Protein backbone atom coordinates (compact mmCIF):
# COMPACT_ATOMS: atom_id res chain seq x y z
CA MET A 1 93.45 91.93 105.75
CA ARG A 2 94.34 90.99 102.40
CA PHE A 3 95.84 87.28 101.57
CA ALA A 4 98.05 87.03 98.10
CA GLU A 5 99.99 84.69 96.88
CA GLY A 6 103.52 85.11 96.27
CA CYS A 7 105.29 88.82 96.13
CA ASP A 8 108.68 90.46 94.99
CA PHE A 9 111.35 88.81 96.98
CA ARG A 10 113.27 91.73 97.50
CA GLU A 11 110.09 93.20 99.14
CA PHE A 12 109.61 89.75 100.89
CA SER A 13 113.42 89.92 102.37
CA ARG A 14 113.18 93.38 103.70
CA TYR A 15 110.29 92.32 105.65
CA LEU A 16 112.27 89.14 106.88
CA ALA A 17 115.05 91.35 107.92
CA LYS A 18 112.84 93.68 109.99
CA LEU A 19 111.79 90.17 111.86
CA GLY A 20 115.27 89.03 111.90
CA GLN A 21 114.36 85.82 110.33
CA TYR A 22 116.35 83.97 107.70
CA THR A 23 119.80 85.78 108.91
CA ALA A 24 122.30 82.93 108.72
CA GLU A 25 124.87 82.81 105.80
CA GLY A 26 123.04 81.39 102.77
CA GLU A 27 119.60 80.77 104.17
CA LEU A 28 117.96 83.56 102.61
CA ASP A 29 118.93 82.60 99.51
CA ARG A 30 118.02 78.76 99.94
CA LEU A 31 114.68 79.99 100.66
CA ARG A 32 114.41 82.28 97.38
CA ARG A 33 115.29 79.41 95.57
CA SER A 34 113.13 76.88 96.76
CA LEU A 35 110.06 79.50 96.31
CA GLU A 36 111.47 80.47 92.46
CA SER A 37 111.67 76.62 91.97
CA GLY A 38 107.85 76.06 93.06
CA ARG A 39 109.08 73.34 96.07
CA PHE A 40 107.84 76.01 98.61
CA ASN A 41 104.94 78.42 98.24
CA LEU A 42 104.34 81.87 99.54
CA ILE A 43 101.16 83.91 100.88
CA VAL A 44 101.83 87.27 102.34
CA PHE A 45 99.13 89.03 104.59
CA ARG A 46 98.69 92.73 103.58
CA GLU A 47 97.37 95.53 105.46
CA ASN A 48 97.47 99.27 103.92
CA GLY A 49 99.63 97.44 101.22
CA GLU A 50 102.20 96.38 103.93
CA ILE A 51 103.57 93.08 104.58
CA VAL A 52 102.29 92.26 108.04
CA GLY A 53 102.59 88.53 107.98
CA HIS A 54 103.25 85.66 105.68
CA ALA A 55 102.87 81.78 105.28
CA ILE A 56 104.97 79.19 103.66
CA TRP A 57 103.78 75.76 102.65
CA HIS A 58 104.63 72.82 100.47
CA GLU A 59 103.92 69.60 99.16
CA THR A 60 105.38 66.77 100.90
CA ASN A 61 104.52 63.24 102.22
CA THR A 62 104.53 60.50 105.38
CA GLU A 63 107.61 58.91 103.92
CA GLU A 64 110.17 61.78 103.37
CA HIS A 65 110.23 65.82 103.72
CA ARG A 66 111.31 66.07 100.60
CA LYS A 67 113.07 63.54 98.09
CA GLY A 68 116.04 61.64 99.60
CA ASP A 69 115.27 63.02 103.12
CA PRO A 70 113.27 60.19 105.17
CA ARG A 71 111.19 61.52 108.17
CA GLU A 72 112.30 60.61 111.82
CA LYS A 73 110.66 57.23 112.81
CA GLU A 74 108.35 59.32 115.78
CA ASP A 75 107.32 62.08 113.07
CA LYS A 76 106.51 59.11 110.66
CA GLU A 77 104.34 57.21 112.99
CA ILE A 78 102.25 60.01 113.74
CA LEU A 79 101.38 60.75 110.31
CA GLU A 80 100.77 57.70 109.42
CA GLY A 81 98.42 57.50 112.33
CA PHE A 82 96.54 60.40 111.05
CA MET A 83 96.22 59.35 107.58
CA GLY A 84 97.76 56.11 106.68
CA LYS A 85 101.08 54.71 104.98
CA GLY A 86 102.51 56.30 101.83
CA LYS A 87 100.05 59.42 101.52
CA ASP A 88 100.41 63.24 100.19
CA PHE A 89 99.77 65.98 102.09
CA ILE A 90 100.25 69.68 102.53
CA GLU A 91 102.66 70.97 105.25
CA LEU A 92 102.22 74.34 106.66
CA HIS A 93 105.89 74.87 106.83
CA GLU A 94 105.78 78.31 108.43
CA LEU A 95 103.21 81.48 109.75
CA TRP A 96 103.92 84.13 110.69
CA LEU A 97 101.95 87.54 112.00
CA ALA A 98 103.52 90.89 113.12
CA GLU A 99 103.25 91.37 116.80
CA GLY A 100 101.22 94.56 116.53
CA ASN A 101 98.54 92.68 114.43
CA ARG A 102 98.20 89.88 116.91
CA GLY A 103 95.16 89.18 118.47
CA LYS A 104 92.69 90.95 116.08
CA GLY A 105 91.42 87.74 114.29
CA TYR A 106 93.59 87.64 111.76
CA GLY A 107 94.94 84.00 112.11
CA LYS A 108 91.31 82.81 112.21
CA GLN A 109 90.80 84.84 108.75
CA PHE A 110 94.13 83.27 107.62
CA PHE A 111 93.08 79.69 108.20
CA ASP A 112 89.77 80.21 106.60
CA PHE A 113 91.47 81.54 103.57
CA PHE A 114 94.37 78.97 103.44
CA GLU A 115 92.07 75.73 104.00
CA GLU A 116 89.55 76.80 101.22
CA HIS A 117 92.64 77.87 99.05
CA LEU A 118 94.01 74.19 99.18
CA ARG A 119 90.50 72.52 98.85
CA ARG A 120 90.13 74.67 95.55
CA LYS A 121 93.61 73.41 94.27
CA GLY A 122 92.31 69.84 94.85
CA TYR A 123 94.22 68.84 97.72
CA ASP A 124 93.26 66.46 100.75
CA SER A 125 95.32 66.75 103.89
CA LEU A 126 97.18 69.38 105.65
CA VAL A 127 99.57 69.34 108.53
CA TYR A 128 100.59 72.02 110.54
CA TYR A 129 103.82 71.34 113.32
CA ALA A 130 102.83 74.03 115.73
CA PHE A 131 104.66 75.30 118.90
CA ASP A 132 102.84 79.05 119.50
CA ALA A 133 99.94 78.71 121.96
CA ALA A 134 97.70 81.13 119.91
CA ALA A 135 98.53 78.97 116.62
CA VAL A 136 97.71 75.48 118.91
CA ALA A 137 94.30 77.37 120.43
CA ILE A 138 92.89 77.98 116.69
CA CYS A 139 93.63 74.45 115.48
CA ARG A 140 92.21 72.73 118.22
CA LYS A 141 89.22 75.27 117.83
CA ARG A 142 89.03 74.43 114.33
CA GLY A 143 88.91 70.70 115.05
CA TYR A 144 92.50 69.48 113.53
CA LYS A 145 93.53 66.07 115.06
CA GLU A 146 96.41 66.61 116.84
CA ALA A 147 99.59 64.72 118.42
CA TYR A 148 102.45 66.10 120.92
CA GLY A 149 105.50 65.57 121.73
CA LEU A 150 108.21 66.09 118.58
CA LYS A 151 110.87 68.16 119.27
CA LEU A 152 111.82 70.62 116.32
CA ALA A 153 113.56 73.66 115.76
CA GLY A 154 111.68 76.87 115.98
CA PRO A 155 111.84 80.24 113.81
CA TYR A 156 115.21 81.26 115.36
CA GLY A 157 116.64 77.89 115.65
CA GLU A 158 115.63 77.00 119.63
CA ILE A 159 114.24 73.32 120.01
CA GLU A 160 110.52 73.70 120.89
CA THR A 161 108.34 70.58 122.06
CA THR A 162 105.83 70.76 119.13
CA TYR A 163 102.49 69.84 118.50
CA VAL A 164 101.57 68.25 115.50
CA PHE A 165 97.99 69.28 114.04
CA TYR A 166 96.30 67.51 111.06
CA LEU A 167 92.97 68.58 109.32
CA ARG A 168 91.25 66.48 106.25
CA LEU A 169 90.50 69.05 104.01
CA ARG A 170 88.05 67.39 101.62
CA LYS A 171 85.30 66.11 104.12
CA ASN A 172 82.46 66.00 101.37
CA LEU A 173 84.30 62.62 99.87
CA GLU A 174 83.28 59.19 100.29
CA LEU A 175 86.19 56.76 100.52
CA MET A 176 85.83 53.28 98.77
CA ASN A 177 88.97 51.91 101.37
CA GLU A 178 89.86 48.98 99.24
CA ASP A 179 90.78 51.17 96.29
CA ASP A 180 91.11 54.87 98.14
CA LEU A 181 88.96 56.49 95.67
CA SER A 182 87.40 59.72 96.11
CA PHE A 183 84.40 61.14 94.98
CA LYS A 184 84.27 65.02 94.62
CA ILE A 185 81.77 67.47 94.20
CA CYS A 186 83.08 70.41 91.78
CA LYS A 187 82.27 74.25 93.05
CA MET A 188 82.29 76.30 90.38
CA PRO A 189 83.67 78.57 89.07
CA ASP A 190 86.36 78.07 91.65
CA ASP A 191 86.77 74.39 90.37
CA PHE A 192 86.25 74.97 86.61
CA LYS A 193 90.06 73.82 85.90
CA SER A 194 89.49 71.03 87.60
CA ALA A 195 85.93 70.28 86.46
CA GLU A 196 87.01 70.84 82.93
CA ASP A 197 90.18 68.47 82.95
CA GLY A 198 87.76 65.69 84.53
CA ARG A 199 84.95 65.85 81.87
CA ARG A 200 88.06 65.55 79.02
CA ALA A 201 88.86 62.28 80.93
CA ILE A 202 85.47 61.10 80.77
CA LEU A 203 85.05 62.01 77.51
CA GLU A 204 88.08 60.32 76.45
CA GLY A 205 87.21 57.07 78.69
CA LEU A 206 83.69 56.96 77.02
CA GLY A 207 85.23 57.67 73.55
CA LYS A 208 87.18 54.40 74.13
CA PHE A 209 84.68 52.20 75.16
CA ILE A 210 82.25 53.07 72.34
CA ASN A 211 85.07 52.79 69.71
CA SER A 212 85.41 49.11 71.15
CA LYS A 213 81.69 48.24 70.82
CA ILE A 214 81.01 49.70 67.35
CA SER A 215 82.76 48.68 64.18
CA ASN A 216 81.35 50.98 61.86
CA MET A 217 81.11 54.76 63.41
CA GLY A 218 80.98 56.60 59.94
CA PRO A 219 82.65 60.15 59.75
CA ALA A 220 85.30 61.01 62.32
CA PRO A 221 83.42 62.83 65.67
CA ARG A 222 84.15 66.34 65.18
CA THR A 223 82.83 69.77 65.97
CA ILE A 224 81.28 72.12 63.52
CA PRO A 225 81.27 75.65 65.26
CA ILE A 226 79.98 78.76 62.87
CA PHE A 227 80.02 82.25 64.05
CA ILE A 228 78.32 85.60 62.84
CA ARG A 229 80.45 88.18 63.80
CA ASP A 230 79.66 92.37 62.90
CA ARG A 231 82.21 95.17 62.13
CA LYS A 232 83.75 95.22 65.77
CA ASN A 233 84.27 91.66 65.79
CA ARG A 234 81.60 90.65 68.12
CA VAL A 235 80.22 87.44 68.33
CA VAL A 236 75.98 88.20 67.20
CA GLY A 237 75.00 84.69 66.43
CA GLY A 238 76.53 81.40 65.72
CA VAL A 239 75.53 77.21 65.78
CA ILE A 240 77.56 74.81 67.07
CA GLY A 241 77.27 71.30 65.80
CA HIS A 242 78.75 67.74 66.40
CA VAL A 243 79.37 65.35 64.17
CA PHE A 244 78.95 61.55 65.71
CA GLY A 245 77.83 57.88 64.18
CA GLY A 246 76.93 59.36 61.12
CA TRP A 247 74.71 62.05 62.84
CA LEU A 248 74.91 65.90 62.85
CA TYR A 249 73.61 67.00 66.61
CA VAL A 250 72.88 70.66 66.67
CA GLU A 251 73.54 71.68 70.18
CA LEU A 252 73.31 75.41 70.07
CA LEU A 253 71.84 77.91 67.50
CA TRP A 254 71.60 81.30 68.61
CA VAL A 255 71.27 85.18 66.59
CA GLU A 256 70.99 88.43 68.44
CA GLU A 257 67.46 89.95 68.55
CA SER A 258 68.25 92.55 66.26
CA LEU A 259 69.18 90.15 63.47
CA ARG A 260 66.50 87.82 63.68
CA LYS A 261 63.76 87.40 60.93
CA LYS A 262 66.13 88.35 58.41
CA GLY A 263 67.15 84.70 57.26
CA ASN A 264 70.33 84.65 59.64
CA GLY A 265 69.18 81.73 61.83
CA ALA A 266 68.26 79.75 58.57
CA ARG A 267 71.28 80.24 56.70
CA LEU A 268 73.42 79.25 59.93
CA LEU A 269 71.18 75.96 60.04
CA LYS A 270 71.88 75.13 56.41
CA MET A 271 75.52 76.20 56.71
CA VAL A 272 76.02 73.54 59.29
CA GLU A 273 74.25 71.24 57.65
CA ASN A 274 76.14 71.32 54.45
CA GLU A 275 79.18 70.65 56.23
CA ALA A 276 77.75 67.94 58.36
CA VAL A 277 76.96 66.01 54.61
CA LYS A 278 80.51 66.75 53.67
CA LEU A 279 81.66 64.66 56.36
CA GLY A 280 79.35 61.86 55.65
CA CYS A 281 76.56 62.64 57.55
CA LYS A 282 72.76 61.30 56.80
CA HIS A 283 70.93 62.69 59.48
CA ALA A 284 70.42 65.42 61.87
CA HIS A 285 68.75 66.19 65.37
CA LEU A 286 68.40 68.71 67.92
CA ASP A 287 66.44 69.76 70.99
CA THR A 288 64.57 73.13 71.81
CA PHE A 289 62.23 74.19 74.33
CA SER A 290 58.58 74.88 73.98
CA PHE A 291 59.25 78.59 74.33
CA GLU A 292 61.98 78.56 71.90
CA ALA A 293 62.22 77.81 68.03
CA ARG A 294 60.18 74.34 67.45
CA PRO A 295 58.26 75.87 64.51
CA PHE A 296 61.46 77.11 62.98
CA TYR A 297 62.72 73.92 62.78
CA GLU A 298 59.82 72.01 61.37
CA LYS A 299 59.79 74.71 58.86
CA HIS A 300 63.41 73.40 57.66
CA GLY A 301 62.51 70.12 57.67
CA TYR A 302 62.73 68.72 61.01
CA THR A 303 59.79 66.03 62.60
CA LEU A 304 59.35 65.67 66.23
CA PHE A 305 60.55 62.33 67.58
CA ALA A 306 59.98 62.65 71.66
CA THR A 307 58.97 65.39 73.91
CA LEU A 308 59.98 65.69 77.57
CA ASP A 309 57.25 67.21 79.88
CA ASP A 310 57.62 69.65 82.49
CA TYR A 311 61.08 70.59 81.89
CA PRO A 312 61.12 72.90 83.32
CA GLU A 313 58.06 72.89 85.26
CA GLY A 314 55.15 74.26 83.17
CA HIS A 315 57.29 74.00 79.85
CA SER A 316 58.47 71.08 77.85
CA LYS A 317 61.43 70.08 75.70
CA HIS A 318 60.90 68.73 72.22
CA PHE A 319 63.45 66.61 70.06
CA LEU A 320 63.46 66.30 66.45
CA LYS A 321 65.41 64.56 63.81
CA LYS A 322 65.92 65.49 59.87
CA SER A 323 67.35 63.01 57.12
CA LEU A 324 69.90 65.10 55.50
CA PRO A 325 70.17 65.36 51.53
């Protein structure tokens, strides 16, 4: 069984027709528009390339189903009892698996996939209105909180007494109640975009703080990337420098092994230093491990000013600096 986000709507509508769902006039077209607009999100279950199940989910909150459509009093009270007032959450709006594929553990596989899928997207809470006995059993087994008694329409329009299930997705968060702050550990590579966005926000915040404390920052902060490329346009060496506070920080310098001891590293170092001088830098600093290139940097005028021992264990990290011409 494979779970995938979205699919061609013509294929999905043929699958729905076999189930006898969304047959009322205009109903299928409304679903299509909701999916195309991004208000609804679709996950399909595939086995041997065929759609054998689906789930539809969307963002919502404790106040309204969607903008301008307030929740019923009982529904709102149940949701606020789970998570408090004015909270956003994800609703698993619809979940269906073809009868021939039930009882094979696919429901559990879907919830494993779906819960992790939402965590990766950074969502905090999940609600599922369930009336099917198998779905109820799965939610209970997975530790969802539950409430009972809402009367809602089932997939064929029939009125069902429905269980409301709630799961806090990000259990690894600590909450500061007075400010409702969350602390999240990003798991790479799945949270790469979230981590990069967060890193930019931190750098921006730190930059504003530093600028408020230092009247003369020197040349404007910037990065100096210089690369060596071969005839196939492959990067075979390079240096990354950063200008800040009148200093050049040589963050990275690397040359492919076959090109070493030919002056390429020295040329890269000189180039980045020259660019920094043009920008107004008067000093440079860098760090290197004991198994890397300390002699190389000392040969080019850098002097040791600190060493961090046993980093990593059995090795050292050296910190060097240099006055630029």
